[in-house]
Amino acid sequence: MLRRFDHAEFEGHNAAIRTMLVDLLASGQTTLYSRVYTYDRLRQAGMPVVHDRMFKILKTIDPTGVAGRRLHLNTKPKRAYSGPGPNFVWSIDGHHKLSMYGIEIYAAIEAFSRYVSLS
């Protein structure tokens, strides 16, 4: 037996999603985060949500915030790193994914010239 579509139930669910989103936006928790974070917050609160419906409601509530997140206006630009001189800072990393086969890879990057040294 097919379930009939109930517009009142649909609108009631949309209103519940809208009030939860307004509360989250008012608390300032979702203003800088992506739709995945907002979706997870609603799911943790016990609200069954579909991504597309949630994002359409979020667009109607906060269109400037959605546009800003889409254009990455809220992210801070990365600063340029420069060391005082050669051999001042070395970044070392090891990869142990293949250690069970006897292969270990280590790499070092000199921060000033970005010279890569493998061993």
PDB file of N, CA and C in Angstrom:
ATOM      1  N   MET A   1       0.835  -1.171   0.000  1.00  0.00           N
ATOM      2  CA  MET A   1       0.000   0.000   0.000  1.00  0.00           C
ATOM      3  C   MET A   1       0.889   1.246   0.000  1.00  0.00           C
ATOM      4  N   LEU A   2       0.598   2.148  -0.880  1.00  0.00           N
ATOM      5  CA  LEU A   2       1.371   3.382  -0.991  1.00  0.00           C
ATOM      6  C   LEU A   2       0.908   4.398   0.041  1.00  0.00           C
ATOM      7  N   ARG A   3       1.847   5.117   0.552  1.00  0.00           N
ATOM      8  CA  ARG A   3       1.528   6.177   1.498  1.00  0.00           C
ATOM      9  C   ARG A   3       1.224   7.441   0.727  1.00  0.00           C
ATOM     10  N   ARG A   4       0.151   8.072   1.082  1.00  0.00           N
ATOM     11  CA  ARG A   4      -0.225   9.297   0.388  1.00  0.00           C
ATOM     12  C   ARG A   4       0.561  10.473   0.934  1.00  0.00           C
ATOM     13  N   PHE A   5       0.841  11.390   0.052  1.00  0.00           N
ATOM     14  CA  PHE A   5       1.603  12.581   0.417  1.00  0.00           C
ATOM     15  C   PHE A   5       0.701  13.535   1.180  1.00  0.00           C
ATOM     16  N   ASP A   6       1.116  13.908   2.357  1.00  0.00           N
ATOM     17  CA  ASP A   6       0.334  14.808   3.198  1.00  0.00           C
ATOM     18  C   ASP A   6       1.040  16.155   3.251  1.00  0.00           C
ATOM     19  N   HIS A   7       0.429  17.151   2.631  1.00  0.00           N
ATOM     20  CA  HIS A   7       1.049  18.477   2.566  1.00  0.00           C
ATOM     21  C   HIS A   7       1.186  19.112   3.946  1.00  0.00           C
ATOM     22  N   ALA A   8       0.214  18.885   4.819  1.00  0.00           N
ATOM     23  CA  ALA A   8       0.273  19.482   6.157  1.00  0.00           C
ATOM     24  C   ALA A   8       1.450  18.905   6.944  1.00  0.00           C
ATOM     25  N   GLU A   9       1.669  17.603   6.830  1.00  0.00           N
ATOM     26  CA  GLU A   9       2.798  16.976   7.523  1.00  0.00           C
ATOM     27  C   GLU A   9       4.128  17.480   6.963  1.00  0.00           C
ATOM     28  N   PHE A  10       4.183  17.617   5.624  1.00  0.00           N
ATOM     29  CA  PHE A  10       5.381  18.119   4.961  1.00  0.00           C
ATOM     30  C   PHE A  10       5.709  19.539   5.418  1.00  0.00           C
ATOM     31  N   GLU A  11       4.702  20.407   5.447  1.00  0.00           N
ATOM     32  CA  GLU A  11       4.909  21.789   5.869  1.00  0.00           C
ATOM     33  C   GLU A  11       5.248  21.875   7.356  1.00  0.00           C
ATOM     34  N   GLY A  12       4.664  21.008   8.156  1.00  0.00           N
ATOM     35  CA  GLY A  12       4.986  20.988   9.579  1.00  0.00           C
ATOM     36  C   GLY A  12       6.434  20.589   9.818  1.00  0.00           C
ATOM     37  N   HIS A  13       6.900  19.620   9.050  1.00  0.00           N
ATOM     38  CA  HIS A  13       8.299  19.193   9.168  1.00  0.00           C
ATOM     39  C   HIS A  13       9.242  20.299   8.700  1.00  0.00           C
ATOM     40  N   ASN A  14       8.873  20.967   7.613  1.00  0.00           N
ATOM     41  CA  ASN A  14       9.689  22.091   7.135  1.00  0.00           C
ATOM     42  C   ASN A  14       9.735  23.212   8.172  1.00  0.00           C
ATOM     43  N   ALA A  15       8.612  23.469   8.851  1.00  0.00           N
ATOM     44  CA  ALA A  15       8.581  24.508   9.880  1.00  0.00           C
ATOM     45  C   ALA A  15       9.467  24.120  11.057  1.00  0.00           C
ATOM     46  N   ALA A  16       9.477  22.842  11.426  1.00  0.00           N
ATOM     47  CA  ALA A  16      10.342  22.388  12.525  1.00  0.00           C
ATOM     48  C   ALA A  16      11.805  22.536  12.148  1.00  0.00           C
ATOM     49  N   ILE A  17      12.145  22.193  10.907  1.00  0.00           N
ATOM     50  CA  ILE A  17      13.529  22.356  10.431  1.00  0.00           C
ATOM     51  C   ILE A  17      13.904  23.838  10.437  1.00  0.00           C
ATOM     52  N   ARG A  18      12.972  24.682   9.977  1.00  0.00           N
ATOM     53  CA  ARG A  18      13.231  26.123   9.914  1.00  0.00           C
ATOM     54  C   ARG A  18      13.494  26.689  11.311  1.00  0.00           C
ATOM     55  N   THR A  19      12.708  26.295  12.309  1.00  0.00           N
ATOM     56  CA  THR A  19      12.917  26.824  13.657  1.00  0.00           C
ATOM     57  C   THR A  19      14.252  26.350  14.232  1.00  0.00           C
ATOM     58  N   MET A  20      14.631  25.096  13.966  1.00  0.00           N
ATOM     59  CA  MET A  20      15.925  24.612  14.459  1.00  0.00           C
ATOM     60  C   MET A  20      17.072  25.350  13.780  1.00  0.00           C
ATOM     61  N   LEU A  21      16.945  25.611  12.479  1.00  0.00           N
ATOM     62  CA  LEU A  21      17.991  26.344  11.768  1.00  0.00           C
ATOM     63  C   LEU A  21      18.091  27.789  12.261  1.00  0.00           C
ATOM     64  N   VAL A  22      16.958  28.420  12.524  1.00  0.00           N
ATOM     65  CA  VAL A  22      16.973  29.785  13.043  1.00  0.00           C
ATOM     66  C   VAL A  22      17.648  29.819  14.409  1.00  0.00           C
ATOM     67  N   ASP A  23      17.357  28.821  15.252  1.00  0.00           N
ATOM     68  CA  ASP A  23      18.005  28.753  16.569  1.00  0.00           C
ATOM     69  C   ASP A  23      19.516  28.569  16.436  1.00  0.00           C
ATOM     70  N   LEU A  24      19.926  27.693  15.509  1.00  0.00           N
ATOM     71  CA  LEU A  24      21.360  27.479  15.317  1.00  0.00           C
ATOM     72  C   LEU A  24      22.047  28.733  14.776  1.00  0.00           C
ATOM     73  N   LEU A  25      21.384  29.432  13.851  1.00  0.00           N
ATOM     74  CA  LEU A  25      21.961  30.665  13.316  1.00  0.00           C
ATOM     75  C   LEU A  25      22.007  31.758  14.374  1.00  0.00           C
ATOM     76  N   ALA A  26      20.988  31.827  15.229  1.00  0.00           N
ATOM     77  CA  ALA A  26      20.966  32.841  16.277  1.00  0.00           C
ATOM     78  C   ALA A  26      22.066  32.593  17.307  1.00  0.00           C
ATOM     79  N   SER A  27      22.386  31.316  17.551  1.00  0.00           N
ATOM     80  CA  SER A  27      23.452  31.020  18.508  1.00  0.00           C
ATOM     81  C   SER A  27      24.834  31.215  17.896  1.00  0.00           C
ATOM     82  N   GLY A  28      24.894  31.385  16.571  1.00  0.00           N
ATOM     83  CA  GLY A  28      26.166  31.647  15.907  1.00  0.00           C
ATOM     84  C   GLY A  28      26.977  30.406  15.626  1.00  0.00           C
ATOM     85  N   GLN A  29      26.391  29.234  15.779  1.00  0.00           N
ATOM     86  CA  GLN A  29      27.167  28.013  15.611  1.00  0.00           C
ATOM     87  C   GLN A  29      27.330  27.600  14.158  1.00  0.00           C
ATOM     88  N   THR A  30      26.397  27.939  13.295  1.00  0.00           N
ATOM     89  CA  THR A  30      26.477  27.458  11.911  1.00  0.00           C
ATOM     90  C   THR A  30      26.769  28.566  10.915  1.00  0.00           C
ATOM     91  N   THR A  31      27.154  29.737  11.362  1.00  0.00           N
ATOM     92  CA  THR A  31      27.365  30.824  10.419  1.00  0.00           C
ATOM     93  C   THR A  31      28.609  30.623   9.567  1.00  0.00           C
ATOM     94  N   LEU A  32      29.609  29.947  10.100  1.00  0.00           N
ATOM     95  CA  LEU A  32      30.851  29.780   9.351  1.00  0.00           C
ATOM     96  C   LEU A  32      31.052  28.360   8.831  1.00  0.00           C
ATOM     97  N   TYR A  33      30.112  27.465   9.084  1.00  0.00           N
ATOM     98  CA  TYR A  33      30.327  26.075   8.759  1.00  0.00           C
ATOM     99  C   TYR A  33      29.577  25.664   7.509  1.00  0.00           C
ATOM    100  N   SER A  34      29.942  24.516   6.987  1.00  0.00           N
ATOM    101  CA  SER A  34      29.366  24.036   5.740  1.00  0.00           C
ATOM    102  C   SER A  34      28.019  23.375   5.986  1.00  0.00           C
ATOM    103  N   ARG A  35      27.383  22.960   4.901  1.00  0.00           N
ATOM    104  CA  ARG A  35      26.083  22.322   5.009  1.00  0.00           C
ATOM    105  C   ARG A  35      26.196  20.939   5.644  1.00  0.00           C
ATOM    106  N   VAL A  36      27.352  20.293   5.537  1.00  0.00           N
ATOM    107  CA  VAL A  36      27.541  18.986   6.162  1.00  0.00           C
ATOM    108  C   VAL A  36      27.514  19.135   7.680  1.00  0.00           C
ATOM    109  N   TYR A  37      28.170  20.164   8.203  1.00  0.00           N
ATOM    110  CA  TYR A  37      28.174  20.411   9.642  1.00  0.00           C
ATOM    111  C   TYR A  37      26.760  20.720  10.125  1.00  0.00           C
ATOM    112  N   THR A  38      26.037  21.563   9.380  1.00  0.00           N
ATOM    113  CA  THR A  38      24.680  21.918   9.767  1.00  0.00           C
ATOM    114  C   THR A  38      23.783  20.687   9.738  1.00  0.00           C
ATOM    115  N   TYR A  39      23.939  19.861   8.718  1.00  0.00           N
ATOM    116  CA  TYR A  39      23.162  18.615   8.614  1.00  0.00           C
ATOM    117  C   TYR A  39      23.450  17.716   9.815  1.00  0.00           C
ATOM    118  N   ASP A  40      24.714  17.582  10.177  1.00  0.00           N
ATOM    119  CA  ASP A  40      25.070  16.738  11.322  1.00  0.00           C
ATOM    120  C   ASP A  40      24.500  17.298  12.622  1.00  0.00           C
ATOM    121  N   ARG A  41      24.506  18.616  12.786  1.00  0.00           N
ATOM    122  CA  ARG A  41      23.945  19.218  13.995  1.00  0.00           C
ATOM    123  C   ARG A  41      22.457  18.931  14.108  1.00  0.00           C
ATOM    124  N   LEU A  42      21.734  19.007  12.991  1.00  0.00           N
ATOM    125  CA  LEU A  42      20.306  18.718  13.030  1.00  0.00           C
ATOM    126  C   LEU A  42      20.049  17.235  13.314  1.00  0.00           C
ATOM    127  N   ARG A  43      20.858  16.373  12.725  1.00  0.00           N
ATOM    128  CA  ARG A  43      20.696  14.934  12.974  1.00  0.00           C
ATOM    129  C   ARG A  43      21.005  14.587  14.429  1.00  0.00           C
ATOM    130  N   GLN A  44      22.007  15.227  15.021  1.00  0.00           N
ATOM    131  CA  GLN A  44      22.333  14.982  16.422  1.00  0.00           C
ATOM    132  C   GLN A  44      21.224  15.467  17.349  1.00  0.00           C
ATOM    133  N   ALA A  45      20.506  16.484  16.916  1.00  0.00           N
ATOM    134  CA  ALA A  45      19.389  16.990  17.717  1.00  0.00           C
ATOM    135  C   ALA A  45      18.154  16.109  17.580  1.00  0.00           C
ATOM    136  N   GLY A  46      18.228  15.087  16.731  1.00  0.00           N
ATOM    137  CA  GLY A  46      17.110  14.157  16.573  1.00  0.00           C
ATOM    138  C   GLY A  46      16.149  14.509  15.464  1.00  0.00           C
ATOM    139  N   MET A  47      16.524  15.414  14.582  1.00  0.00           N
ATOM    140  CA  MET A  47      15.647  15.827  13.496  1.00  0.00           C
ATOM    141  C   MET A  47      15.995  15.050  12.229  1.00  0.00           C
ATOM    142  N   PRO A  48      15.077  14.230  11.703  1.00  0.00           N
ATOM    143  CA  PRO A  48      15.357  13.550  10.431  1.00  0.00           C
ATOM    144  C   PRO A  48      15.285  14.562   9.289  1.00  0.00           C
ATOM    145  N   VAL A  49      16.388  14.742   8.589  1.00  0.00           N
ATOM    146  CA  VAL A  49      16.497  15.790   7.582  1.00  0.00           C
ATOM    147  C   VAL A  49      17.076  15.210   6.305  1.00  0.00           C
ATOM    148  N   VAL A  50      16.610  15.722   5.182  1.00  0.00           N
ATOM    149  CA  VAL A  50      17.199  15.426   3.884  1.00  0.00           C
ATOM    150  C   VAL A  50      18.069  16.617   3.504  1.00  0.00           C
ATOM    151  N   HIS A  51      19.249  16.340   2.943  1.00  0.00           N
ATOM    152  CA  HIS A  51      20.201  17.411   2.620  1.00  0.00           C
ATOM    153  C   HIS A  51      19.561  18.517   1.786  1.00  0.00           C
ATOM    154  N   ASP A  52      18.885  18.143   0.713  1.00  0.00           N
ATOM    155  CA  ASP A  52      18.370  19.146  -0.212  1.00  0.00           C
ATOM    156  C   ASP A  52      17.316  20.042   0.435  1.00  0.00           C
ATOM    157  N   ARG A  53      16.399  19.440   1.203  1.00  0.00           N
ATOM    158  CA  ARG A  53      15.372  20.244   1.867  1.00  0.00           C
ATOM    159  C   ARG A  53      15.999  21.187   2.877  1.00  0.00           C
ATOM    160  N   MET A  54      16.955  20.678   3.650  1.00  0.00           N
ATOM    161  CA  MET A  54      17.605  21.509   4.648  1.00  0.00           C
ATOM    162  C   MET A  54      18.326  22.677   3.984  1.00  0.00           C
ATOM    163  N   PHE A  55      19.008  22.413   2.875  1.00  0.00           N
ATOM    164  CA  PHE A  55      19.771  23.475   2.234  1.00  0.00           C
ATOM    165  C   PHE A  55      18.854  24.500   1.575  1.00  0.00           C
ATOM    166  N   LYS A  56      17.712  24.077   1.034  1.00  0.00           N
ATOM    167  CA  LYS A  56      16.756  25.040   0.472  1.00  0.00           C
ATOM    168  C   LYS A  56      16.199  25.951   1.555  1.00  0.00           C
ATOM    169  N   ILE A  57      15.896  25.371   2.718  1.00  0.00           N
ATOM    170  CA  ILE A  57      15.390  26.182   3.826  1.00  0.00           C
ATOM    171  C   ILE A  57      16.477  27.127   4.320  1.00  0.00           C
ATOM    172  N   LEU A  58      17.714  26.642   4.394  1.00  0.00           N
ATOM    173  CA  LEU A  58      18.826  27.477   4.836  1.00  0.00           C
ATOM    174  C   LEU A  58      19.066  28.629   3.863  1.00  0.00           C
ATOM    175  N   LYS A  59      18.869  28.380   2.557  1.00  0.00           N
ATOM    176  CA  LYS A  59      19.016  29.455   1.564  1.00  0.00           C
ATOM    177  C   LYS A  59      17.974  30.546   1.760  1.00  0.00           C
ATOM    178  N   THR A  60      16.744  30.143   2.132  1.00  0.00           N
ATOM    179  CA  THR A  60      15.699  31.149   2.321  1.00  0.00           C
ATOM    180  C   THR A  60      15.914  31.938   3.612  1.00  0.00           C
ATOM    181  N   ILE A  61      16.472  31.301   4.639  1.00  0.00           N
ATOM    182  CA  ILE A  61      16.687  31.977   5.916  1.00  0.00           C
ATOM    183  C   ILE A  61      17.911  32.883   5.863  1.00  0.00           C
ATOM    184  N   ASP A  62      19.011  32.387   5.310  1.00  0.00           N
ATOM    185  CA  ASP A  62      20.297  33.097   5.354  1.00  0.00           C
ATOM    186  C   ASP A  62      20.953  33.111   3.970  1.00  0.00           C
ATOM    187  N   PRO A  63      20.400  33.870   3.007  1.00  0.00           N
ATOM    188  CA  PRO A  63      20.973  33.844   1.653  1.00  0.00           C
ATOM    189  C   PRO A  63      22.375  34.451   1.572  1.00  0.00           C
ATOM    190  N   THR A  64      22.647  35.488   2.368  1.00  0.00           N
ATOM    191  CA  THR A  64      23.985  36.088   2.317  1.00  0.00           C
ATOM    192  C   THR A  64      25.034  35.155   2.921  1.00  0.00           C
ATOM    193  N   GLY A  65      24.677  34.434   3.972  1.00  0.00           N
ATOM    194  CA  GLY A  65      25.611  33.485   4.580  1.00  0.00           C
ATOM    195  C   GLY A  65      25.935  32.334   3.650  1.00  0.00           C
ATOM    196  N   VAL A  66      24.919  31.831   2.934  1.00  0.00           N
ATOM    197  CA  VAL A  66      25.138  30.740   1.979  1.00  0.00           C
ATOM    198  C   VAL A  66      26.022  31.217   0.836  1.00  0.00           C
ATOM    199  N   ALA A  67      25.755  32.430   0.344  1.00  0.00           N
ATOM    200  CA  ALA A  67      26.589  32.967  -0.742  1.00  0.00           C
ATOM    201  C   ALA A  67      28.015  33.205  -0.265  1.00  0.00           C
ATOM    202  N   GLY A  68      28.173  33.670   0.957  1.00  0.00           N
ATOM    203  CA  GLY A  68      29.514  33.901   1.495  1.00  0.00           C
ATOM    204  C   GLY A  68      30.285  32.614   1.673  1.00  0.00           C
ATOM    205  N   ARG A  69      29.603  31.554   2.126  1.00  0.00           N
ATOM    206  CA  ARG A  69      30.292  30.269   2.266  1.00  0.00           C
ATOM    207  C   ARG A  69      30.625  29.679   0.910  1.00  0.00           C
ATOM    208  N   ARG A  70      29.781  29.914  -0.054  1.00  0.00           N
ATOM    209  CA  ARG A  70      30.049  29.387  -1.390  1.00  0.00           C
ATOM    210  C   ARG A  70      31.274  30.060  -2.010  1.00  0.00           C
ATOM    211  N   LEU A  71      31.431  31.332  -1.750  1.00  0.00           N
ATOM    212  CA  LEU A  71      32.564  32.077  -2.305  1.00  0.00           C
ATOM    213  C   LEU A  71      33.776  32.071  -1.386  1.00  0.00           C
ATOM    214  N   HIS A  72      33.669  31.385  -0.250  1.00  0.00           N
ATOM    215  CA  HIS A  72      34.751  31.296   0.730  1.00  0.00           C
ATOM    216  C   HIS A  72      35.149  32.681   1.244  1.00  0.00           C
ATOM    217  N   LEU A  73      34.162  33.532   1.465  1.00  0.00           N
ATOM    218  CA  LEU A  73      34.453  34.869   1.978  1.00  0.00           C
ATOM    219  C   LEU A  73      34.772  34.855   3.463  1.00  0.00           C
ATOM    220  N   ASN A  74      34.366  33.801   4.170  1.00  0.00           N
ATOM    221  CA  ASN A  74      34.577  33.753   5.610  1.00  0.00           C
ATOM    222  C   ASN A  74      35.917  33.139   5.998  1.00  0.00           C
ATOM    223  N   THR A  75      36.616  32.554   5.049  1.00  0.00           N
ATOM    224  CA  THR A  75      37.884  31.917   5.378  1.00  0.00           C
ATOM    225  C   THR A  75      39.006  32.941   5.339  1.00  0.00           C
ATOM    226  N   LYS A  76      39.927  32.780   6.227  1.00  0.00           N
ATOM    227  CA  LYS A  76      41.069  33.679   6.258  1.00  0.00           C
ATOM    228  C   LYS A  76      42.107  33.202   5.254  1.00  0.00           C
ATOM    229  N   PRO A  77      42.730  34.115   4.541  1.00  0.00           N
ATOM    230  CA  PRO A  77      43.762  33.687   3.600  1.00  0.00           C
ATOM    231  C   PRO A  77      44.988  33.156   4.344  1.00  0.00           C
ATOM    232  N   LYS A  78      45.650  32.208   3.723  1.00  0.00           N
ATOM    233  CA  LYS A  78      46.856  31.659   4.329  1.00  0.00           C
ATOM    234  C   LYS A  78      47.975  32.690   4.281  1.00  0.00           C
ATOM    235  N   ARG A  79      48.705  32.746   5.369  1.00  0.00           N
ATOM    236  CA  ARG A  79      49.835  33.664   5.396  1.00  0.00           C
ATOM    237  C   ARG A  79      51.017  33.027   4.695  1.00  0.00           C
ATOM    238  N   ALA A  80      51.828  33.854   4.102  1.00  0.00           N
ATOM    239  CA  ALA A  80      53.036  33.361   3.454  1.00  0.00           C
ATOM    240  C   ALA A  80      54.057  33.044   4.533  1.00  0.00           C
ATOM    241  N   TYR A  81      54.608  31.849   4.500  1.00  0.00           N
ATOM    242  CA  TYR A  81      55.609  31.464   5.479  1.00  0.00           C
ATOM    243  C   TYR A  81      56.987  31.716   4.904  1.00  0.00           C
ATOM    244  N   SER A  82      57.807  32.337   5.677  1.00  0.00           N
ATOM    245  CA  SER A  82      59.188  32.515   5.263  1.00  0.00           C
ATOM    246  C   SER A  82      60.071  32.368   6.494  1.00  0.00           C
ATOM    247  N   GLY A  83      61.053  31.518   6.370  1.00  0.00           N
ATOM    248  CA  GLY A  83      62.009  31.339   7.455  1.00  0.00           C
ATOM    249  C   GLY A  83      63.074  32.414   7.400  1.00  0.00           C
ATOM    250  N   PRO A  84      63.794  32.625   8.493  1.00  0.00           N
ATOM    251  CA  PRO A  84      64.828  33.658   8.508  1.00  0.00           C
ATOM    252  C   PRO A  84      65.998  33.358   7.577  1.00  0.00           C
ATOM    253  N   GLY A  85      66.227  32.092   7.281  1.00  0.00           N
ATOM    254  CA  GLY A  85      67.339  31.750   6.412  1.00  0.00           C
ATOM    255  C   GLY A  85      67.388  30.259   6.159  1.00  0.00           C
ATOM    256  N   PRO A  86      68.327  29.834   5.308  1.00  0.00           N
ATOM    257  CA  PRO A  86      68.441  28.408   5.017  1.00  0.00           C
ATOM    258  C   PRO A  86      68.828  27.608   6.265  1.00  0.00           C
ATOM    259  N   ASN A  87      68.370  26.369   6.324  1.00  0.00           N
ATOM    260  CA  ASN A  87      68.640  25.426   7.413  1.00  0.00           C
ATOM    261  C   ASN A  87      68.149  25.907   8.773  1.00  0.00           C
ATOM    262  N   PHE A  88      67.166  26.801   8.789  1.00  0.00           N
ATOM    263  CA  PHE A  88      66.635  27.270  10.065  1.00  0.00           C
ATOM    264  C   PHE A  88      65.512  26.349  10.553  1.00  0.00           C
ATOM    265  N   VAL A  89      64.609  25.975   9.639  1.00  0.00           N
ATOM    266  CA  VAL A  89      63.490  25.097   9.994  1.00  0.00           C
ATOM    267  C   VAL A  89      63.406  23.960   8.987  1.00  0.00           C
ATOM    268  N   TRP A  90      63.364  22.728   9.502  1.00  0.00           N
ATOM    269  CA  TRP A  90      63.143  21.551   8.683  1.00  0.00           C
ATOM    270  C   TRP A  90      61.866  20.879   9.178  1.00  0.00           C
ATOM    271  N   SER A  91      60.986  20.502   8.266  1.00  0.00           N
ATOM    272  CA  SER A  91      59.776  19.762   8.606  1.00  0.00           C
ATOM    273  C   SER A  91      59.989  18.316   8.201  1.00  0.00           C
ATOM    274  N   ILE A  92      59.807  17.405   9.160  1.00  0.00           N
ATOM    275  CA  ILE A  92      60.065  15.983   8.913  1.00  0.00           C
ATOM    276  C   ILE A  92      58.769  15.212   9.080  1.00  0.00           C
ATOM    277  N   ASP A  93      58.534  14.271   8.169  1.00  0.00           N
ATOM    278  CA  ASP A  93      57.327  13.457   8.221  1.00  0.00           C
ATOM    279  C   ASP A  93      57.686  12.019   7.886  1.00  0.00           C
ATOM    280  N   GLY A  94      57.008  11.086   8.502  1.00  0.00           N
ATOM    281  CA  GLY A  94      57.219   9.672   8.223  1.00  0.00           C
ATOM    282  C   GLY A  94      55.919   9.010   7.815  1.00  0.00           C
ATOM    283  N   HIS A  95      56.001   8.089   6.883  1.00  0.00           N
ATOM    284  CA  HIS A  95      54.828   7.362   6.395  1.00  0.00           C
ATOM    285  C   HIS A  95      55.022   5.892   6.741  1.00  0.00           C
ATOM    286  N   HIS A  96      54.160   5.371   7.596  1.00  0.00           N
ATOM    287  CA  HIS A  96      54.316   4.003   8.091  1.00  0.00           C
ATOM    288  C   HIS A  96      53.228   3.073   7.584  1.00  0.00           C
ATOM    289  N   LYS A  97      52.563   3.415   6.505  1.00  0.00           N
ATOM    290  CA  LYS A  97      51.487   2.572   5.995  1.00  0.00           C
ATOM    291  C   LYS A  97      52.010   1.249   5.464  1.00  0.00           C
ATOM    292  N   LEU A  98      53.215   1.238   4.980  1.00  0.00           N
ATOM    293  CA  LEU A  98      53.782   0.014   4.411  1.00  0.00           C
ATOM    294  C   LEU A  98      54.783  -0.647   5.344  1.00  0.00           C
ATOM    295  N   SER A  99      54.761  -0.276   6.633  1.00  0.00           N
ATOM    296  CA  SER A  99      55.763  -0.816   7.559  1.00  0.00           C
ATOM    297  C   SER A  99      55.594  -2.306   7.783  1.00  0.00           C
ATOM    298  N   MET A 100      54.408  -2.854   7.576  1.00  0.00           N
ATOM    299  CA  MET A 100      54.227  -4.297   7.736  1.00  0.00           C
ATOM    300  C   MET A 100      54.953  -5.085   6.640  1.00  0.00           C
ATOM    301  N   TYR A 101      55.299  -4.410   5.555  1.00  0.00           N
ATOM    302  CA  TYR A 101      56.062  -5.043   4.476  1.00  0.00           C
ATOM    303  C   TYR A 101      57.537  -4.674   4.535  1.00  0.00           C
ATOM    304  N   GLY A 102      57.938  -3.969   5.563  1.00  0.00           N
ATOM    305  CA  GLY A 102      59.337  -3.588   5.729  1.00  0.00           C
ATOM    306  C   GLY A 102      59.715  -2.307   5.009  1.00  0.00           C
ATOM    307  N   ILE A 103      58.729  -1.522   4.588  1.00  0.00           N
ATOM    308  CA  ILE A 103      59.006  -0.284   3.868  1.00  0.00           C
ATOM    309  C   ILE A 103      58.569   0.890   4.735  1.00  0.00           C
ATOM    310  N   GLU A 104      59.487   1.763   5.047  1.00  0.00           N
ATOM    311  CA  GLU A 104      59.179   2.990   5.760  1.00  0.00           C
ATOM    312  C   GLU A 104      59.759   4.152   4.978  1.00  0.00           C
ATOM    313  N   ILE A 105      58.983   5.183   4.812  1.00  0.00           N
ATOM    314  CA  ILE A 105      59.396   6.335   4.016  1.00  0.00           C
ATOM    315  C   ILE A 105      59.458   7.549   4.931  1.00  0.00           C
ATOM    316  N   TYR A 106      60.560   8.250   4.901  1.00  0.00           N
ATOM    317  CA  TYR A 106      60.733   9.473   5.663  1.00  0.00           C
ATOM    318  C   TYR A 106      61.106  10.582   4.699  1.00  0.00           C
ATOM    319  N   ALA A 107      60.579  11.758   4.928  1.00  0.00           N
ATOM    320  CA  ALA A 107      60.899  12.905   4.084  1.00  0.00           C
ATOM    321  C   ALA A 107      61.112  14.123   4.966  1.00  0.00           C
ATOM    322  N   ALA A 108      61.998  14.984   4.529  1.00  0.00           N
ATOM    323  CA  ALA A 108      62.256  16.242   5.225  1.00  0.00           C
ATOM    324  C   ALA A 108      62.194  17.367   4.202  1.00  0.00           C
ATOM    325  N   ILE A 109      61.581  18.476   4.584  1.00  0.00           N
ATOM    326  CA  ILE A 109      61.463  19.633   3.706  1.00  0.00           C
ATOM    327  C   ILE A 109      62.098  20.822   4.417  1.00  0.00           C
ATOM    328  N   GLU A 110      63.021  21.443   3.748  1.00  0.00           N
ATOM    329  CA  GLU A 110      63.643  22.640   4.290  1.00  0.00           C
ATOM    330  C   GLU A 110      62.685  23.798   4.028  1.00  0.00           C
ATOM    331  N   ALA A 111      62.291  24.523   5.066  1.00  0.00           N
ATOM    332  CA  ALA A 111      61.204  25.489   4.967  1.00  0.00           C
ATOM    333  C   ALA A 111      61.565  26.739   4.168  1.00  0.00           C
ATOM    334  N   PHE A 112      62.825  27.136   4.137  1.00  0.00           N
ATOM    335  CA  PHE A 112      63.202  28.372   3.446  1.00  0.00           C
ATOM    336  C   PHE A 112      63.192  28.178   1.935  1.00  0.00           C
ATOM    337  N   SER A 113      63.856  27.145   1.462  1.00  0.00           N
ATOM    338  CA  SER A 113      63.939  26.928   0.020  1.00  0.00           C
ATOM    339  C   SER A 113      62.954  25.883  -0.472  1.00  0.00           C
ATOM    340  N   ARG A 114      62.294  25.195   0.444  1.00  0.00           N
ATOM    341  CA  ARG A 114      61.366  24.108   0.158  1.00  0.00           C
ATOM    342  C   ARG A 114      62.044  22.964  -0.621  1.00  0.00           C
ATOM    343  N   TYR A 115      63.281  22.712  -0.267  1.00  0.00           N
ATOM    344  CA  TYR A 115      64.042  21.603  -0.819  1.00  0.00           C
ATOM    345  C   TYR A 115      63.586  20.328  -0.121  1.00  0.00           C
ATOM    346  N   VAL A 116      63.272  19.271  -0.890  1.00  0.00           N
ATOM    347  CA  VAL A 116      62.796  18.007  -0.336  1.00  0.00           C
ATOM    348  C   VAL A 116      63.949  17.031  -0.278  1.00  0.00           C
ATOM    349  N   SER A 117      64.136  16.434   0.887  1.00  0.00           N
ATOM    350  CA  SER A 117      65.171  15.420   1.081  1.00  0.00           C
ATOM    351  C   SER A 117      64.484  14.135   1.493  1.00  0.00           C
ATOM    352  N   LEU A 118      64.643  13.070   0.716  1.00  0.00           N
ATOM    353  CA  LEU A 118      64.045  11.767   1.009  1.00  0.00           C
ATOM    354  C   LEU A 118      65.097  10.828   1.553  1.00  0.00           C
ATOM    355  N   SER A 119      64.692   9.976   2.472  1.00  0.00           N
ATOM    356  CA  SER A 119      65.624   8.942   2.953  1.00  0.00           C
ATOM    357  C   SER A 119      64.853   7.666   3.188  1.00  0.00           C
TER     358      SER A 119
END
